[in-house]
Amino acid sequence: MPEDSQTKLADQESLLAGQKCVLEMIATGASLPNVLDVLSRTIEEQSRGMLDPPS
């Protein structure tokens, strides 16, 4: 598998894991601050490099 495909697959798996974690937290009644913390960390992980200035 080419490196780009591996990176894309890893990103997709990471996003799904983050979504699953957030949904499980909501389903089990976790506190809103904890859910929002995990949600924001998941979003930050997915958006790495997006805000970097062009080189």
N, C-alpha and C. Protein backbone atom coordinates (compact mmCIF):
# COMPACT_ATOMS: atom_id res chain seq x y z
N MET A 1 0.85 -1.17 0.00
CA MET A 1 0.00 0.00 0.00
C MET A 1 0.91 1.24 0.00
N PRO A 2 0.66 2.20 -0.90
CA PRO A 2 1.47 3.43 -0.93
C PRO A 2 1.35 4.21 0.38
N GLU A 3 2.39 4.98 0.66
CA GLU A 3 2.42 5.73 1.93
C GLU A 3 1.23 6.66 2.08
N ASP A 4 0.84 7.33 0.99
CA ASP A 4 -0.30 8.26 1.05
C ASP A 4 -1.58 7.52 1.43
N SER A 5 -1.77 6.32 0.89
CA SER A 5 -2.95 5.52 1.21
C SER A 5 -2.91 5.07 2.67
N GLN A 6 -1.72 4.73 3.15
CA GLN A 6 -1.58 4.32 4.55
C GLN A 6 -1.89 5.47 5.48
N THR A 7 -1.42 6.65 5.13
CA THR A 7 -1.67 7.83 5.95
C THR A 7 -3.17 8.15 5.97
N LYS A 8 -3.79 8.08 4.81
CA LYS A 8 -5.23 8.36 4.72
C LYS A 8 -6.02 7.35 5.54
N LEU A 9 -5.65 6.08 5.44
CA LEU A 9 -6.33 5.03 6.20
C LEU A 9 -6.15 5.25 7.70
N ALA A 10 -4.94 5.59 8.11
CA ALA A 10 -4.67 5.84 9.53
C ALA A 10 -5.50 7.03 10.03
N ASP A 11 -5.61 8.07 9.21
CA ASP A 11 -6.42 9.24 9.58
C ASP A 11 -7.89 8.86 9.73
N GLN A 12 -8.40 8.05 8.81
CA GLN A 12 -9.79 7.62 8.87
C GLN A 12 -10.04 6.77 10.11
N GLU A 13 -9.11 5.88 10.42
CA GLU A 13 -9.26 5.03 11.60
C GLU A 13 -9.23 5.86 12.88
N SER A 14 -8.37 6.85 12.90
CA SER A 14 -8.26 7.73 14.06
C SER A 14 -9.56 8.52 14.26
N LEU A 15 -10.12 9.02 13.17
CA LEU A 15 -11.37 9.76 13.26
C LEU A 15 -12.49 8.87 13.76
N LEU A 16 -12.58 7.65 13.23
CA LEU A 16 -13.63 6.73 13.68
C LEU A 16 -13.47 6.39 15.16
N ALA A 17 -12.23 6.21 15.61
CA ALA A 17 -11.99 5.91 17.02
C ALA A 17 -12.42 7.09 17.89
N GLY A 18 -12.13 8.30 17.45
CA GLY A 18 -12.54 9.48 18.20
C GLY A 18 -14.05 9.62 18.26
N GLN A 19 -14.71 9.36 17.13
CA GLN A 19 -16.17 9.43 17.09
C GLN A 19 -16.78 8.39 18.03
N LYS A 20 -16.24 7.19 17.99
CA LYS A 20 -16.75 6.12 18.84
C LYS A 20 -16.60 6.48 20.31
N CYS A 21 -15.45 7.03 20.66
CA CYS A 21 -15.19 7.40 22.04
C CYS A 21 -16.18 8.47 22.51
N VAL A 22 -16.39 9.48 21.69
CA VAL A 22 -17.32 10.56 22.05
C VAL A 22 -18.74 10.01 22.21
N LEU A 23 -19.16 9.18 21.27
CA LEU A 23 -20.51 8.62 21.35
C LEU A 23 -20.68 7.72 22.57
N GLU A 24 -19.67 6.94 22.90
CA GLU A 24 -19.74 6.10 24.09
C GLU A 24 -19.82 6.94 25.35
N MET A 25 -19.08 8.05 25.37
CA MET A 25 -19.12 8.94 26.53
C MET A 25 -20.52 9.53 26.71
N ILE A 26 -21.11 9.95 25.60
CA ILE A 26 -22.46 10.53 25.66
C ILE A 26 -23.45 9.46 26.14
N ALA A 27 -23.34 8.26 25.58
CA ALA A 27 -24.27 7.17 25.91
C ALA A 27 -24.18 6.75 27.37
N THR A 28 -22.99 6.88 27.95
CA THR A 28 -22.82 6.45 29.34
C THR A 28 -22.98 7.60 30.33
N GLY A 29 -23.31 8.79 29.83
CA GLY A 29 -23.60 9.91 30.72
C GLY A 29 -22.39 10.65 31.24
N ALA A 30 -21.30 10.63 30.49
CA ALA A 30 -20.11 11.37 30.91
C ALA A 30 -20.44 12.86 30.99
N SER A 31 -19.68 13.57 31.80
CA SER A 31 -19.94 15.00 31.97
C SER A 31 -19.65 15.75 30.67
N LEU A 32 -20.39 16.82 30.46
CA LEU A 32 -20.23 17.62 29.24
C LEU A 32 -18.80 18.12 29.07
N PRO A 33 -18.15 18.65 30.12
CA PRO A 33 -16.77 19.10 29.93
C PRO A 33 -15.84 17.98 29.45
N ASN A 34 -16.02 16.77 29.96
CA ASN A 34 -15.17 15.66 29.51
C ASN A 34 -15.47 15.29 28.06
N VAL A 35 -16.73 15.27 27.68
CA VAL A 35 -17.09 14.96 26.30
C VAL A 35 -16.51 16.02 25.36
N LEU A 36 -16.66 17.28 25.73
CA LEU A 36 -16.15 18.36 24.88
C LEU A 36 -14.63 18.33 24.78
N ASP A 37 -13.96 17.92 25.85
CA ASP A 37 -12.51 17.81 25.82
C ASP A 37 -12.08 16.75 24.80
N VAL A 38 -12.69 15.59 24.86
CA VAL A 38 -12.34 14.52 23.93
C VAL A 38 -12.72 14.91 22.50
N LEU A 39 -13.86 15.54 22.33
CA LEU A 39 -14.29 15.99 21.01
C LEU A 39 -13.30 16.99 20.42
N SER A 40 -12.90 17.97 21.22
CA SER A 40 -11.97 18.98 20.71
C SER A 40 -10.60 18.38 20.40
N ARG A 41 -10.15 17.43 21.21
CA ARG A 41 -8.87 16.77 20.92
C ARG A 41 -8.94 15.95 19.63
N THR A 42 -10.09 15.32 19.40
CA THR A 42 -10.27 14.56 18.17
C THR A 42 -10.23 15.49 16.96
N ILE A 43 -10.89 16.62 17.06
CA ILE A 43 -10.90 17.59 15.97
C ILE A 43 -9.49 18.14 15.74
N GLU A 44 -8.80 18.48 16.81
CA GLU A 44 -7.43 18.99 16.68
C GLU A 44 -6.52 17.98 15.99
N GLU A 45 -6.67 16.72 16.35
CA GLU A 45 -5.84 15.68 15.75
C GLU A 45 -6.11 15.58 14.25
N GLN A 46 -7.36 15.70 13.86
CA GLN A 46 -7.72 15.59 12.45
C GLN A 46 -7.31 16.81 11.64
N SER A 47 -7.15 17.94 12.28
CA SER A 47 -6.86 19.17 11.55
C SER A 47 -5.39 19.57 11.63
N ARG A 48 -4.53 18.65 12.09
CA ARG A 48 -3.11 18.99 12.19
C ARG A 48 -2.57 19.43 10.84
N GLY A 49 -1.85 20.53 10.87
CA GLY A 49 -1.26 21.06 9.66
C GLY A 49 -2.15 21.98 8.85
N MET A 50 -3.44 22.00 9.13
CA MET A 50 -4.36 22.82 8.34
C MET A 50 -4.15 24.32 8.55
N LEU A 51 -3.70 24.67 9.74
CA LEU A 51 -3.55 26.09 10.04
C LEU A 51 -2.12 26.59 9.88
N ASP A 52 -1.22 25.69 9.45
CA ASP A 52 0.16 26.10 9.25
C ASP A 52 0.23 27.04 8.05
N PRO A 53 1.06 28.08 8.18
CA PRO A 53 1.21 29.00 7.04
C PRO A 53 1.89 28.28 5.88
N PRO A 54 1.54 28.65 4.66
CA PRO A 54 2.18 28.01 3.50
C PRO A 54 3.68 28.29 3.49
N SER A 55 4.43 27.33 3.03
CA SER A 55 5.89 27.55 2.99
C SER A 55 6.37 27.88 1.60
